[in-house]
Amino acid sequence: MVSGDQMGSMLTVREVARVIHIHSNTVRRWSDRGILRAYHINRRGDRRFRREDIDRFLADLNAHRGDEREISSIWE
């Protein structure tokens, strides 16, 4: 679980979806697959994402742009 201090810098599923320009369900699926690291914040299992992790994911994605095999493995 995440402490209250860490919550301020964390993003919701909807916020991550907006940043990455994908559907919220895709964010959840990628989280389940380990593509995006999520933190469960309560007993219900709500997810939060660190901004740094999302920035790193986007940087890695941009670094591999043009290598279709690398990128296509994310979408599967």
N, C-alpha and C. Protein backbone atom coordinates (compact mmCIF):
# COMPACT_ATOMS: atom_id res chain seq x y z
N MET A 1 0.84 -1.18 0.00
CA MET A 1 0.00 0.00 0.00
C MET A 1 0.88 1.24 0.00
N VAL A 2 0.31 2.31 -0.47
CA VAL A 2 1.04 3.57 -0.61
C VAL A 2 0.67 4.49 0.54
N SER A 3 1.66 5.20 1.06
CA SER A 3 1.38 6.13 2.17
C SER A 3 0.73 7.40 1.64
N GLY A 4 0.13 8.14 2.54
CA GLY A 4 -0.55 9.39 2.17
C GLY A 4 0.40 10.40 1.57
N ASP A 5 1.66 10.42 1.99
CA ASP A 5 2.63 11.36 1.44
C ASP A 5 2.89 11.11 -0.03
N GLN A 6 2.88 9.86 -0.43
CA GLN A 6 3.18 9.50 -1.81
C GLN A 6 1.99 9.72 -2.73
N MET A 7 0.79 9.81 -2.20
CA MET A 7 -0.41 9.91 -3.02
C MET A 7 -0.45 11.18 -3.86
N GLY A 8 0.11 12.27 -3.37
CA GLY A 8 0.05 13.53 -4.09
C GLY A 8 0.70 13.48 -5.46
N SER A 9 1.73 12.69 -5.61
CA SER A 9 2.46 12.63 -6.87
C SER A 9 2.02 11.46 -7.75
N MET A 10 0.95 10.79 -7.37
CA MET A 10 0.52 9.61 -8.10
C MET A 10 -0.64 9.95 -9.02
N LEU A 11 -0.74 9.18 -10.10
CA LEU A 11 -1.77 9.39 -11.11
C LEU A 11 -2.82 8.29 -11.05
N THR A 12 -4.05 8.64 -11.39
CA THR A 12 -5.12 7.65 -11.47
C THR A 12 -5.06 6.95 -12.82
N VAL A 13 -5.87 5.92 -12.97
CA VAL A 13 -5.97 5.21 -14.25
C VAL A 13 -6.39 6.19 -15.35
N ARG A 14 -7.38 7.00 -15.06
CA ARG A 14 -7.88 7.96 -16.06
C ARG A 14 -6.81 8.98 -16.46
N GLU A 15 -6.03 9.45 -15.49
CA GLU A 15 -4.98 10.41 -15.80
C GLU A 15 -3.90 9.79 -16.67
N VAL A 16 -3.52 8.55 -16.36
CA VAL A 16 -2.51 7.86 -17.17
C VAL A 16 -3.04 7.66 -18.59
N ALA A 17 -4.30 7.29 -18.70
CA ALA A 17 -4.90 7.09 -20.03
C ALA A 17 -4.83 8.38 -20.85
N ARG A 18 -5.08 9.51 -20.21
CA ARG A 18 -5.00 10.79 -20.93
C ARG A 18 -3.57 11.11 -21.35
N VAL A 19 -2.61 10.86 -20.46
CA VAL A 19 -1.21 11.16 -20.77
C VAL A 19 -0.70 10.32 -21.93
N ILE A 20 -1.03 9.03 -21.92
CA ILE A 20 -0.53 8.10 -22.94
C ILE A 20 -1.43 8.05 -24.18
N HIS A 21 -2.64 8.62 -24.06
CA HIS A 21 -3.60 8.61 -25.17
C HIS A 21 -4.07 7.21 -25.51
N ILE A 22 -4.47 6.49 -24.44
CA ILE A 22 -5.05 5.16 -24.61
C ILE A 22 -6.30 5.08 -23.73
N HIS A 23 -7.06 4.02 -23.88
CA HIS A 23 -8.28 3.82 -23.10
C HIS A 23 -7.92 3.37 -21.68
N SER A 24 -8.77 3.73 -20.74
CA SER A 24 -8.56 3.35 -19.33
C SER A 24 -8.44 1.84 -19.15
N ASN A 25 -9.22 1.09 -19.91
CA ASN A 25 -9.15 -0.38 -19.80
C ASN A 25 -7.79 -0.89 -20.27
N THR A 26 -7.18 -0.22 -21.23
CA THR A 26 -5.85 -0.61 -21.69
C THR A 26 -4.83 -0.36 -20.58
N VAL A 27 -4.97 0.74 -19.86
CA VAL A 27 -4.07 1.02 -18.73
C VAL A 27 -4.18 -0.11 -17.71
N ARG A 28 -5.40 -0.53 -17.40
CA ARG A 28 -5.60 -1.61 -16.43
C ARG A 28 -4.99 -2.93 -16.94
N ARG A 29 -5.22 -3.21 -18.23
CA ARG A 29 -4.69 -4.46 -18.80
C ARG A 29 -3.16 -4.44 -18.78
N TRP A 30 -2.55 -3.31 -19.17
CA TRP A 30 -1.10 -3.22 -19.14
C TRP A 30 -0.56 -3.33 -17.72
N SER A 31 -1.30 -2.80 -16.78
CA SER A 31 -0.90 -2.92 -15.38
C SER A 31 -0.94 -4.39 -14.95
N ASP A 32 -2.00 -5.08 -15.33
CA ASP A 32 -2.11 -6.51 -14.99
C ASP A 32 -0.99 -7.32 -15.61
N ARG A 33 -0.55 -6.93 -16.79
CA ARG A 33 0.53 -7.65 -17.50
C ARG A 33 1.92 -7.22 -17.05
N GLY A 34 2.01 -6.18 -16.25
CA GLY A 34 3.31 -5.71 -15.78
C GLY A 34 3.98 -4.73 -16.71
N ILE A 35 3.29 -4.27 -17.73
CA ILE A 35 3.86 -3.29 -18.65
C ILE A 35 3.96 -1.93 -17.96
N LEU A 36 2.93 -1.59 -17.20
CA LEU A 36 2.94 -0.38 -16.38
C LEU A 36 2.89 -0.80 -14.93
N ARG A 37 3.74 -0.21 -14.12
CA ARG A 37 3.76 -0.55 -12.69
C ARG A 37 2.68 0.24 -11.97
N ALA A 38 1.83 -0.46 -11.25
CA ALA A 38 0.76 0.17 -10.48
C ALA A 38 0.91 -0.15 -9.00
N TYR A 39 0.39 0.73 -8.19
CA TYR A 39 0.36 0.55 -6.75
C TYR A 39 -1.09 0.50 -6.32
N HIS A 40 -1.44 -0.52 -5.57
CA HIS A 40 -2.81 -0.64 -5.06
C HIS A 40 -2.88 0.13 -3.75
N ILE A 41 -3.87 1.03 -3.67
CA ILE A 41 -3.88 1.98 -2.56
C ILE A 41 -4.90 1.66 -1.48
N ASN A 42 -5.76 0.70 -1.71
CA ASN A 42 -6.75 0.38 -0.69
C ASN A 42 -7.21 -1.07 -0.85
N ARG A 43 -8.10 -1.49 0.00
CA ARG A 43 -8.58 -2.87 -0.03
C ARG A 43 -9.34 -3.17 -1.31
N ARG A 44 -9.98 -2.15 -1.87
CA ARG A 44 -10.76 -2.33 -3.09
C ARG A 44 -9.85 -2.59 -4.29
N GLY A 45 -8.60 -2.18 -4.19
CA GLY A 45 -7.65 -2.44 -5.26
C GLY A 45 -7.49 -1.31 -6.25
N ASP A 46 -7.91 -0.10 -5.87
CA ASP A 46 -7.70 1.04 -6.77
C ASP A 46 -6.22 1.18 -7.08
N ARG A 47 -5.94 1.55 -8.31
CA ARG A 47 -4.54 1.63 -8.76
C ARG A 47 -4.10 3.09 -8.85
N ARG A 48 -2.84 3.29 -8.55
CA ARG A 48 -2.21 4.58 -8.77
C ARG A 48 -0.86 4.31 -9.41
N PHE A 49 -0.41 5.29 -10.16
CA PHE A 49 0.83 5.16 -10.92
C PHE A 49 1.74 6.33 -10.60
N ARG A 50 3.01 6.05 -10.43
CA ARG A 50 3.98 7.12 -10.21
C ARG A 50 4.25 7.83 -11.52
N ARG A 51 4.30 9.14 -11.47
CA ARG A 51 4.55 9.93 -12.68
C ARG A 51 5.90 9.55 -13.28
N GLU A 52 6.88 9.29 -12.44
CA GLU A 52 8.21 8.92 -12.92
C GLU A 52 8.17 7.62 -13.74
N ASP A 53 7.36 6.66 -13.30
CA ASP A 53 7.23 5.40 -14.02
C ASP A 53 6.59 5.61 -15.39
N ILE A 54 5.59 6.47 -15.46
CA ILE A 54 4.93 6.76 -16.74
C ILE A 54 5.88 7.51 -17.66
N ASP A 55 6.61 8.47 -17.12
CA ASP A 55 7.60 9.20 -17.93
C ASP A 55 8.66 8.25 -18.49
N ARG A 56 9.11 7.31 -17.66
CA ARG A 56 10.11 6.34 -18.10
C ARG A 56 9.53 5.43 -19.20
N PHE A 57 8.29 5.00 -19.02
CA PHE A 57 7.63 4.17 -20.02
C PHE A 57 7.58 4.91 -21.37
N LEU A 58 7.18 6.18 -21.34
CA LEU A 58 7.08 6.95 -22.58
C LEU A 58 8.47 7.18 -23.21
N ALA A 59 9.47 7.41 -22.38
CA ALA A 59 10.84 7.58 -22.91
C ALA A 59 11.32 6.30 -23.57
N ASP A 60 11.07 5.16 -22.94
CA ASP A 60 11.46 3.87 -23.52
C ASP A 60 10.71 3.62 -24.83
N LEU A 61 9.44 3.96 -24.85
CA LEU A 61 8.63 3.78 -26.06
C LEU A 61 9.18 4.65 -27.19
N ASN A 62 9.52 5.89 -26.88
CA ASN A 62 10.09 6.79 -27.90
C ASN A 62 11.46 6.33 -28.36
N ALA A 63 12.24 5.76 -27.45
CA ALA A 63 13.58 5.29 -27.80
C ALA A 63 13.50 4.12 -28.78
N HIS A 64 12.42 3.34 -28.69
CA HIS A 64 12.27 2.17 -29.55
C HIS A 64 11.39 2.45 -30.76
N ARG A 65 10.99 3.70 -30.92
CA ARG A 65 10.15 4.06 -32.06
C ARG A 65 10.91 3.72 -33.34
N GLY A 66 10.23 3.07 -34.22
CA GLY A 66 10.86 2.64 -35.46
C GLY A 66 11.19 1.15 -35.43
N ASP A 67 11.35 0.60 -34.24
CA ASP A 67 11.57 -0.83 -34.13
C ASP A 67 10.21 -1.48 -33.86
N GLU A 68 9.51 -1.81 -34.92
CA GLU A 68 8.13 -2.29 -34.83
C GLU A 68 8.00 -3.57 -34.00
N ARG A 69 9.01 -4.40 -34.00
CA ARG A 69 8.93 -5.64 -33.21
C ARG A 69 8.86 -5.33 -31.73
N GLU A 70 9.67 -4.38 -31.27
CA GLU A 70 9.67 -3.99 -29.86
C GLU A 70 8.33 -3.40 -29.47
N ILE A 71 7.82 -2.48 -30.27
CA ILE A 71 6.58 -1.80 -29.96
C ILE A 71 5.40 -2.75 -30.05
N SER A 72 5.37 -3.60 -31.06
CA SER A 72 4.22 -4.48 -31.22
C SER A 72 4.10 -5.47 -30.06
N SER A 73 5.20 -5.79 -29.39
CA SER A 73 5.10 -6.69 -28.25
C SER A 73 4.32 -6.07 -27.11
N ILE A 74 4.29 -4.75 -27.01
CA ILE A 74 3.52 -4.07 -25.98
C ILE A 74 2.04 -4.21 -26.24
N TRP A 75 1.63 -4.13 -27.50
CA TRP A 75 0.21 -4.11 -27.84
C TRP A 75 -0.42 -5.48 -27.77
N GLU A 76 0.34 -6.53 -27.75
CA GLU A 76 -0.23 -7.89 -27.76
C GLU A 76 -0.81 -8.27 -26.43
